Amino acid sequence: MSTTELRKRLIAKIQRSRRPELLMEVYRLMGTDTDDLEPFKLSADQRSSVAKGLKDAKAGKVIPAAAADKAIDAWLSK
């Protein structure tokens, strides 16, 4: 697909989109006027999960990226 065709397809998808969160993310990725965007807000459960992950990482409870990738691939193939 050429760059011109890709651009046309993206513009068409953006024009048809009814999802404000998608439009905001596209806008953010384009790197323009990000000052007026609100930061992503985590729920209490999400904040708790992030805190637990950081605590585990500091305690050395980590696995190598290759092992994680293998586990993810196995999970996705089910």
PDB file of N, CA and C in Angstrom:
ATOM      1  N   MET A   1       0.856  -1.169   0.000  1.00  0.00           N
ATOM      2  CA  MET A   1       0.000   0.000   0.000  1.00  0.00           C
ATOM      3  C   MET A   1       0.907   1.238   0.000  1.00  0.00           C
ATOM      4  N   SER A   2       0.594   2.154  -0.864  1.00  0.00           N
ATOM      5  CA  SER A   2       1.388   3.376  -0.960  1.00  0.00           C
ATOM      6  C   SER A   2       1.067   4.320   0.199  1.00  0.00           C
ATOM      7  N   THR A   3       1.940   5.266   0.418  1.00  0.00           N
ATOM      8  CA  THR A   3       1.723   6.265   1.462  1.00  0.00           C
ATOM      9  C   THR A   3       0.448   7.059   1.188  1.00  0.00           C
ATOM     10  N   THR A   4       0.219   7.360  -0.066  1.00  0.00           N
ATOM     11  CA  THR A   4      -0.983   8.119  -0.431  1.00  0.00           C
ATOM     12  C   THR A   4      -2.241   7.316  -0.113  1.00  0.00           C
ATOM     13  N   GLU A   5      -2.228   6.025  -0.450  1.00  0.00           N
ATOM     14  CA  GLU A   5      -3.382   5.176  -0.168  1.00  0.00           C
ATOM     15  C   GLU A   5      -3.591   5.033   1.338  1.00  0.00           C
ATOM     16  N   LEU A   6      -2.511   4.847   2.069  1.00  0.00           N
ATOM     17  CA  LEU A   6      -2.597   4.743   3.528  1.00  0.00           C
ATOM     18  C   LEU A   6      -3.198   6.015   4.118  1.00  0.00           C
ATOM     19  N   ARG A   7      -2.738   7.152   3.666  1.00  0.00           N
ATOM     20  CA  ARG A   7      -3.258   8.435   4.149  1.00  0.00           C
ATOM     21  C   ARG A   7      -4.762   8.538   3.885  1.00  0.00           C
ATOM     22  N   LYS A   8      -5.184   8.162   2.680  1.00  0.00           N
ATOM     23  CA  LYS A   8      -6.605   8.230   2.338  1.00  0.00           C
ATOM     24  C   LYS A   8      -7.432   7.308   3.233  1.00  0.00           C
ATOM     25  N   ARG A   9      -6.929   6.111   3.480  1.00  0.00           N
ATOM     26  CA  ARG A   9      -7.653   5.164   4.325  1.00  0.00           C
ATOM     27  C   ARG A   9      -7.756   5.662   5.769  1.00  0.00           C
ATOM     28  N   LEU A  10      -6.660   6.213   6.274  1.00  0.00           N
ATOM     29  CA  LEU A  10      -6.686   6.753   7.632  1.00  0.00           C
ATOM     30  C   LEU A  10      -7.670   7.907   7.756  1.00  0.00           C
ATOM     31  N   ILE A  11      -7.630   8.800   6.792  1.00  0.00           N
ATOM     32  CA  ILE A  11      -8.550   9.944   6.823  1.00  0.00           C
ATOM     33  C   ILE A  11      -9.992   9.459   6.792  1.00  0.00           C
ATOM     34  N   ALA A  12     -10.276   8.467   5.952  1.00  0.00           N
ATOM     35  CA  ALA A  12     -11.637   7.943   5.866  1.00  0.00           C
ATOM     36  C   ALA A  12     -12.063   7.306   7.192  1.00  0.00           C
ATOM     37  N   LYS A  13     -11.181   6.542   7.815  1.00  0.00           N
ATOM     38  CA  LYS A  13     -11.515   5.910   9.094  1.00  0.00           C
ATOM     39  C   LYS A  13     -11.736   6.962  10.180  1.00  0.00           C
ATOM     40  N   ILE A  14     -10.902   7.971  10.195  1.00  0.00           N
ATOM     41  CA  ILE A  14     -11.045   9.040  11.181  1.00  0.00           C
ATOM     42  C   ILE A  14     -12.379   9.762  10.989  1.00  0.00           C
ATOM     43  N   GLN A  15     -12.728  10.033   9.758  1.00  0.00           N
ATOM     44  CA  GLN A  15     -13.987  10.729   9.487  1.00  0.00           C
ATOM     45  C   GLN A  15     -15.202   9.906   9.886  1.00  0.00           C
ATOM     46  N   ARG A  16     -15.107   8.574   9.811  1.00  0.00           N
ATOM     47  CA  ARG A  16     -16.235   7.708  10.168  1.00  0.00           C
ATOM     48  C   ARG A  16     -16.282   7.387  11.657  1.00  0.00           C
ATOM     49  N   SER A  17     -15.198   7.620  12.357  1.00  0.00           N
ATOM     50  CA  SER A  17     -15.112   7.203  13.755  1.00  0.00           C
ATOM     51  C   SER A  17     -16.115   7.945  14.629  1.00  0.00           C
ATOM     52  N   ARG A  18     -16.715   7.177  15.548  1.00  0.00           N
ATOM     53  CA  ARG A  18     -17.630   7.740  16.543  1.00  0.00           C
ATOM     54  C   ARG A  18     -17.048   7.557  17.941  1.00  0.00           C
ATOM     55  N   ARG A  19     -15.766   7.191  18.008  1.00  0.00           N
ATOM     56  CA  ARG A  19     -15.120   6.901  19.291  1.00  0.00           C
ATOM     57  C   ARG A  19     -14.190   8.059  19.677  1.00  0.00           C
ATOM     58  N   PRO A  20     -14.623   8.904  20.599  1.00  0.00           N
ATOM     59  CA  PRO A  20     -13.806  10.061  20.978  1.00  0.00           C
ATOM     60  C   PRO A  20     -12.441   9.659  21.531  1.00  0.00           C
ATOM     61  N   GLU A  21     -12.377   8.532  22.273  1.00  0.00           N
ATOM     62  CA  GLU A  21     -11.085   8.128  22.835  1.00  0.00           C
ATOM     63  C   GLU A  21     -10.098   7.750  21.723  1.00  0.00           C
ATOM     64  N   LEU A  22     -10.587   7.151  20.655  1.00  0.00           N
ATOM     65  CA  LEU A  22      -9.729   6.816  19.523  1.00  0.00           C
ATOM     66  C   LEU A  22      -9.247   8.088  18.831  1.00  0.00           C
ATOM     67  N   LEU A  23     -10.157   9.008  18.629  1.00  0.00           N
ATOM     68  CA  LEU A  23      -9.789  10.266  17.982  1.00  0.00           C
ATOM     69  C   LEU A  23      -8.763  11.041  18.815  1.00  0.00           C
ATOM     70  N   MET A  24      -8.942  11.049  20.128  1.00  0.00           N
ATOM     71  CA  MET A  24      -7.984  11.748  20.993  1.00  0.00           C
ATOM     72  C   MET A  24      -6.610  11.078  20.935  1.00  0.00           C
ATOM     73  N   GLU A  25      -6.600   9.753  20.875  1.00  0.00           N
ATOM     74  CA  GLU A  25      -5.326   9.031  20.812  1.00  0.00           C
ATOM     75  C   GLU A  25      -4.618   9.285  19.480  1.00  0.00           C
ATOM     76  N   VAL A  26      -5.364   9.290  18.401  1.00  0.00           N
ATOM     77  CA  VAL A  26      -4.773   9.603  17.093  1.00  0.00           C
ATOM     78  C   VAL A  26      -4.198  11.011  17.127  1.00  0.00           C
ATOM     79  N   TYR A  27      -4.948  11.918  17.688  1.00  0.00           N
ATOM     80  CA  TYR A  27      -4.499  13.307  17.796  1.00  0.00           C
ATOM     81  C   TYR A  27      -3.209  13.392  18.615  1.00  0.00           C
ATOM     82  N   ARG A  28      -3.169  12.648  19.717  1.00  0.00           N
ATOM     83  CA  ARG A  28      -1.977  12.649  20.564  1.00  0.00           C
ATOM     84  C   ARG A  28      -0.780  12.071  19.805  1.00  0.00           C
ATOM     85  N   LEU A  29      -1.003  10.988  19.079  1.00  0.00           N
ATOM     86  CA  LEU A  29       0.078  10.362  18.332  1.00  0.00           C
ATOM     87  C   LEU A  29       0.624  11.258  17.230  1.00  0.00           C
ATOM     88  N   MET A  30      -0.224  12.110  16.720  1.00  0.00           N
ATOM     89  CA  MET A  30       0.216  13.034  15.680  1.00  0.00           C
ATOM     90  C   MET A  30       1.138  14.106  16.258  1.00  0.00           C
ATOM     91  N   GLY A  31       1.151  14.237  17.582  1.00  0.00           N
ATOM     92  CA  GLY A  31       2.082  15.147  18.230  1.00  0.00           C
ATOM     93  C   GLY A  31       1.752  16.608  18.105  1.00  0.00           C
ATOM     94  N   THR A  32       0.493  16.932  17.976  1.00  0.00           N
ATOM     95  CA  THR A  32       0.122  18.340  17.842  1.00  0.00           C
ATOM     96  C   THR A  32      -0.753  18.767  19.000  1.00  0.00           C
ATOM     97  N   ASP A  33      -0.439  19.889  19.551  1.00  0.00           N
ATOM     98  CA  ASP A  33      -1.251  20.512  20.598  1.00  0.00           C
ATOM     99  C   ASP A  33      -1.631  19.548  21.720  1.00  0.00           C
ATOM    100  N   THR A  34      -0.662  18.825  22.235  1.00  0.00           N
ATOM    101  CA  THR A  34      -0.957  17.863  23.291  1.00  0.00           C
ATOM    102  C   THR A  34      -1.199  18.540  24.632  1.00  0.00           C
ATOM    103  N   ASP A  35      -0.963  19.826  24.716  1.00  0.00           N
ATOM    104  CA  ASP A  35      -1.177  20.536  25.974  1.00  0.00           C
ATOM    105  C   ASP A  35      -2.637  20.519  26.411  1.00  0.00           C
ATOM    106  N   ASP A  36      -3.546  20.431  25.442  1.00  0.00           N
ATOM    107  CA  ASP A  36      -4.961  20.478  25.801  1.00  0.00           C
ATOM    108  C   ASP A  36      -5.558  19.091  26.062  1.00  0.00           C
ATOM    109  N   LEU A  37      -4.733  18.043  26.012  1.00  0.00           N
ATOM    110  CA  LEU A  37      -5.227  16.699  26.294  1.00  0.00           C
ATOM    111  C   LEU A  37      -5.108  16.392  27.777  1.00  0.00           C
ATOM    112  N   GLU A  38      -6.092  15.685  28.291  1.00  0.00           N
ATOM    113  CA  GLU A  38      -6.047  15.279  29.691  1.00  0.00           C
ATOM    114  C   GLU A  38      -5.227  14.003  29.815  1.00  0.00           C
ATOM    115  N   PRO A  39      -4.490  13.848  30.909  1.00  0.00           N
ATOM    116  CA  PRO A  39      -3.743  12.601  31.098  1.00  0.00           C
ATOM    117  C   PRO A  39      -4.691  11.430  31.281  1.00  0.00           C
ATOM    118  N   PHE A  40      -4.222  10.252  30.909  1.00  0.00           N
ATOM    119  CA  PHE A  40      -5.022   9.045  31.087  1.00  0.00           C
ATOM    120  C   PHE A  40      -5.187   8.800  32.568  1.00  0.00           C
ATOM    121  N   LYS A  41      -6.407   8.521  33.000  1.00  0.00           N
ATOM    122  CA  LYS A  41      -6.676   8.316  34.419  1.00  0.00           C
ATOM    123  C   LYS A  41      -6.924   6.844  34.692  1.00  0.00           C
ATOM    124  N   LEU A  42      -6.183   6.312  35.659  1.00  0.00           N
ATOM    125  CA  LEU A  42      -6.328   4.920  36.049  1.00  0.00           C
ATOM    126  C   LEU A  42      -7.410   4.774  37.108  1.00  0.00           C
ATOM    127  N   SER A  43      -8.068   3.632  37.064  1.00  0.00           N
ATOM    128  CA  SER A  43      -9.041   3.317  38.112  1.00  0.00           C
ATOM    129  C   SER A  43      -8.271   2.914  39.366  1.00  0.00           C
ATOM    130  N   ALA A  44      -8.959   2.780  40.474  1.00  0.00           N
ATOM    131  CA  ALA A  44      -8.314   2.356  41.723  1.00  0.00           C
ATOM    132  C   ALA A  44      -7.699   0.972  41.559  1.00  0.00           C
ATOM    133  N   ASP A  45      -8.401   0.066  40.883  1.00  0.00           N
ATOM    134  CA  ASP A  45      -7.855  -1.279  40.650  1.00  0.00           C
ATOM    135  C   ASP A  45      -6.596  -1.229  39.792  1.00  0.00           C
ATOM    136  N   GLN A  46      -6.607  -0.389  38.768  1.00  0.00           N
ATOM    137  CA  GLN A  46      -5.440  -0.263  37.901  1.00  0.00           C
ATOM    138  C   GLN A  46      -4.248   0.305  38.672  1.00  0.00           C
ATOM    139  N   ARG A  47      -4.495   1.326  39.502  1.00  0.00           N
ATOM    140  CA  ARG A  47      -3.412   1.900  40.313  1.00  0.00           C
ATOM    141  C   ARG A  47      -2.844   0.859  41.262  1.00  0.00           C
ATOM    142  N   SER A  48      -3.716   0.052  41.845  1.00  0.00           N
ATOM    143  CA  SER A  48      -3.283  -1.006  42.751  1.00  0.00           C
ATOM    144  C   SER A  48      -2.415  -2.034  42.010  1.00  0.00           C
ATOM    145  N   SER A  49      -2.824  -2.405  40.808  1.00  0.00           N
ATOM    146  CA  SER A  49      -2.057  -3.366  40.013  1.00  0.00           C
ATOM    147  C   SER A  49      -0.688  -2.812  39.637  1.00  0.00           C
ATOM    148  N   VAL A  50      -0.645  -1.547  39.274  1.00  0.00           N
ATOM    149  CA  VAL A  50       0.637  -0.916  38.933  1.00  0.00           C
ATOM    150  C   VAL A  50       1.544  -0.881  40.161  1.00  0.00           C
ATOM    151  N   ALA A  51       0.997  -0.502  41.303  1.00  0.00           N
ATOM    152  CA  ALA A  51       1.790  -0.451  42.540  1.00  0.00           C
ATOM    153  C   ALA A  51       2.328  -1.829  42.889  1.00  0.00           C
ATOM    154  N   LYS A  52       1.499  -2.863  42.735  1.00  0.00           N
ATOM    155  CA  LYS A  52       1.949  -4.233  43.025  1.00  0.00           C
ATOM    156  C   LYS A  52       3.064  -4.631  42.065  1.00  0.00           C
ATOM    157  N   GLY A  53       2.918  -4.310  40.796  1.00  0.00           N
ATOM    158  CA  GLY A  53       3.941  -4.632  39.805  1.00  0.00           C
ATOM    159  C   GLY A  53       5.256  -3.945  40.102  1.00  0.00           C
ATOM    160  N   LEU A  54       5.196  -2.678  40.495  1.00  0.00           N
ATOM    161  CA  LEU A  54       6.421  -1.949  40.842  1.00  0.00           C
ATOM    162  C   LEU A  54       7.089  -2.551  42.074  1.00  0.00           C
ATOM    163  N   LYS A  55       6.278  -2.920  43.058  1.00  0.00           N
ATOM    164  CA  LYS A  55       6.802  -3.541  44.272  1.00  0.00           C
ATOM    165  C   LYS A  55       7.482  -4.874  43.933  1.00  0.00           C
ATOM    166  N   ASP A  56       6.815  -5.686  43.109  1.00  0.00           N
ATOM    167  CA  ASP A  56       7.388  -6.963  42.695  1.00  0.00           C
ATOM    168  C   ASP A  56       8.706  -6.757  41.939  1.00  0.00           C
ATOM    169  N   ALA A  57       8.736  -5.783  41.047  1.00  0.00           N
ATOM    170  CA  ALA A  57       9.952  -5.518  40.274  1.00  0.00           C
ATOM    171  C   ALA A  57      11.101  -5.105  41.185  1.00  0.00           C
ATOM    172  N   LYS A  58      10.821  -4.249  42.159  1.00  0.00           N
ATOM    173  CA  LYS A  58      11.867  -3.827  43.104  1.00  0.00           C
ATOM    174  C   LYS A  58      12.368  -4.989  43.946  1.00  0.00           C
ATOM    175  N   ALA A  59      11.481  -5.973  44.196  1.00  0.00           N
ATOM    176  CA  ALA A  59      11.855  -7.144  44.997  1.00  0.00           C
ATOM    177  C   ALA A  59      12.537  -8.212  44.139  1.00  0.00           C
ATOM    178  N   GLY A  60      12.706  -7.941  42.850  1.00  0.00           N
ATOM    179  CA  GLY A  60      13.356  -8.898  41.970  1.00  0.00           C
ATOM    180  C   GLY A  60      12.445  -9.994  41.452  1.00  0.00           C
ATOM    181  N   LYS A  61      11.154  -9.853  41.662  1.00  0.00           N
ATOM    182  CA  LYS A  61      10.187 -10.849  41.196  1.00  0.00           C
ATOM    183  C   LYS A  61       9.833 -10.551  39.738  1.00  0.00           C
ATOM    184  N   VAL A  62      10.779 -10.843  38.863  1.00  0.00           N
ATOM    185  CA  VAL A  62      10.610 -10.576  37.437  1.00  0.00           C
ATOM    186  C   VAL A  62      10.998 -11.810  36.638  1.00  0.00           C
ATOM    187  N   ILE A  63      10.584 -11.836  35.383  1.00  0.00           N
ATOM    188  CA  ILE A  63      11.012 -12.901  34.488  1.00  0.00           C
ATOM    189  C   ILE A  63      11.638 -12.246  33.259  1.00  0.00           C
ATOM    190  N   PRO A  64      12.553 -12.949  32.598  1.00  0.00           N
ATOM    191  CA  PRO A  64      13.167 -12.366  31.395  1.00  0.00           C
ATOM    192  C   PRO A  64      12.127 -12.110  30.308  1.00  0.00           C
ATOM    193  N   ALA A  65      12.371 -11.124  29.482  1.00  0.00           N
ATOM    194  CA  ALA A  65      11.432 -10.757  28.413  1.00  0.00           C
ATOM    195  C   ALA A  65      11.154 -11.941  27.496  1.00  0.00           C
ATOM    196  N   ALA A  66      12.175 -12.743  27.192  1.00  0.00           N
ATOM    197  CA  ALA A  66      11.979 -13.886  26.293  1.00  0.00           C
ATOM    198  C   ALA A  66      10.988 -14.883  26.894  1.00  0.00           C
ATOM    199  N   ALA A  67      11.089 -15.102  28.203  1.00  0.00           N
ATOM    200  CA  ALA A  67      10.157 -16.023  28.871  1.00  0.00           C
ATOM    201  C   ALA A  67       8.746 -15.447  28.876  1.00  0.00           C
ATOM    202  N   ALA A  68       8.641 -14.156  29.095  1.00  0.00           N
ATOM    203  CA  ALA A  68       7.326 -13.505  29.077  1.00  0.00           C
ATOM    204  C   ALA A  68       6.714 -13.592  27.681  1.00  0.00           C
ATOM    205  N   ASP A  69       7.528 -13.335  26.651  1.00  0.00           N
ATOM    206  CA  ASP A  69       7.037 -13.418  25.279  1.00  0.00           C
ATOM    207  C   ASP A  69       6.538 -14.824  24.959  1.00  0.00           C
ATOM    208  N   LYS A  70       7.284 -15.834  25.417  1.00  0.00           N
ATOM    209  CA  LYS A  70       6.893 -17.225  25.177  1.00  0.00           C
ATOM    210  C   LYS A  70       5.560 -17.538  25.868  1.00  0.00           C
ATOM    211  N   ALA A  71       5.404 -17.076  27.105  1.00  0.00           N
ATOM    212  CA  ALA A  71       4.165 -17.315  27.839  1.00  0.00           C
ATOM    213  C   ALA A  71       2.988 -16.597  27.161  1.00  0.00           C
ATOM    214  N   ILE A  72       3.210 -15.404  26.690  1.00  0.00           N
ATOM    215  CA  ILE A  72       2.155 -14.645  25.998  1.00  0.00           C
ATOM    216  C   ILE A  72       1.764 -15.348  24.707  1.00  0.00           C
ATOM    217  N   ASP A  73       2.763 -15.793  23.942  1.00  0.00           N
ATOM    218  CA  ASP A  73       2.475 -16.509  22.700  1.00  0.00           C
ATOM    219  C   ASP A  73       1.657 -17.769  22.963  1.00  0.00           C
ATOM    220  N   ALA A  74       2.016 -18.499  24.016  1.00  0.00           N
ATOM    221  CA  ALA A  74       1.278 -19.721  24.369  1.00  0.00           C
ATOM    222  C   ALA A  74      -0.154 -19.379  24.744  1.00  0.00           C
ATOM    223  N   TRP A  75      -0.337 -18.320  25.515  1.00  0.00           N
ATOM    224  CA  TRP A  75      -1.673 -17.899  25.930  1.00  0.00           C
ATOM    225  C   TRP A  75      -2.519 -17.474  24.724  1.00  0.00           C
ATOM    226  N   LEU A  76      -1.900 -16.726  23.798  1.00  0.00           N
ATOM    227  CA  LEU A  76      -2.634 -16.238  22.629  1.00  0.00           C
ATOM    228  C   LEU A  76      -3.002 -17.352  21.661  1.00  0.00           C
ATOM    229  N   SER A  77      -2.241 -18.439  21.667  1.00  0.00           N
ATOM    230  CA  SER A  77      -2.516 -19.524  20.731  1.00  0.00           C
ATOM    231  C   SER A  77      -3.630 -20.458  21.208  1.00  0.00           C
ATOM    232  N   LYS A  78      -4.135 -20.239  22.413  1.00  0.00           N
ATOM    233  CA  LYS A  78      -5.221 -21.090  22.941  1.00  0.00           C
ATOM    234  C   LYS A  78      -6.541 -20.732  22.323  1.00  0.00           C
TER     235      LYS A  78
END
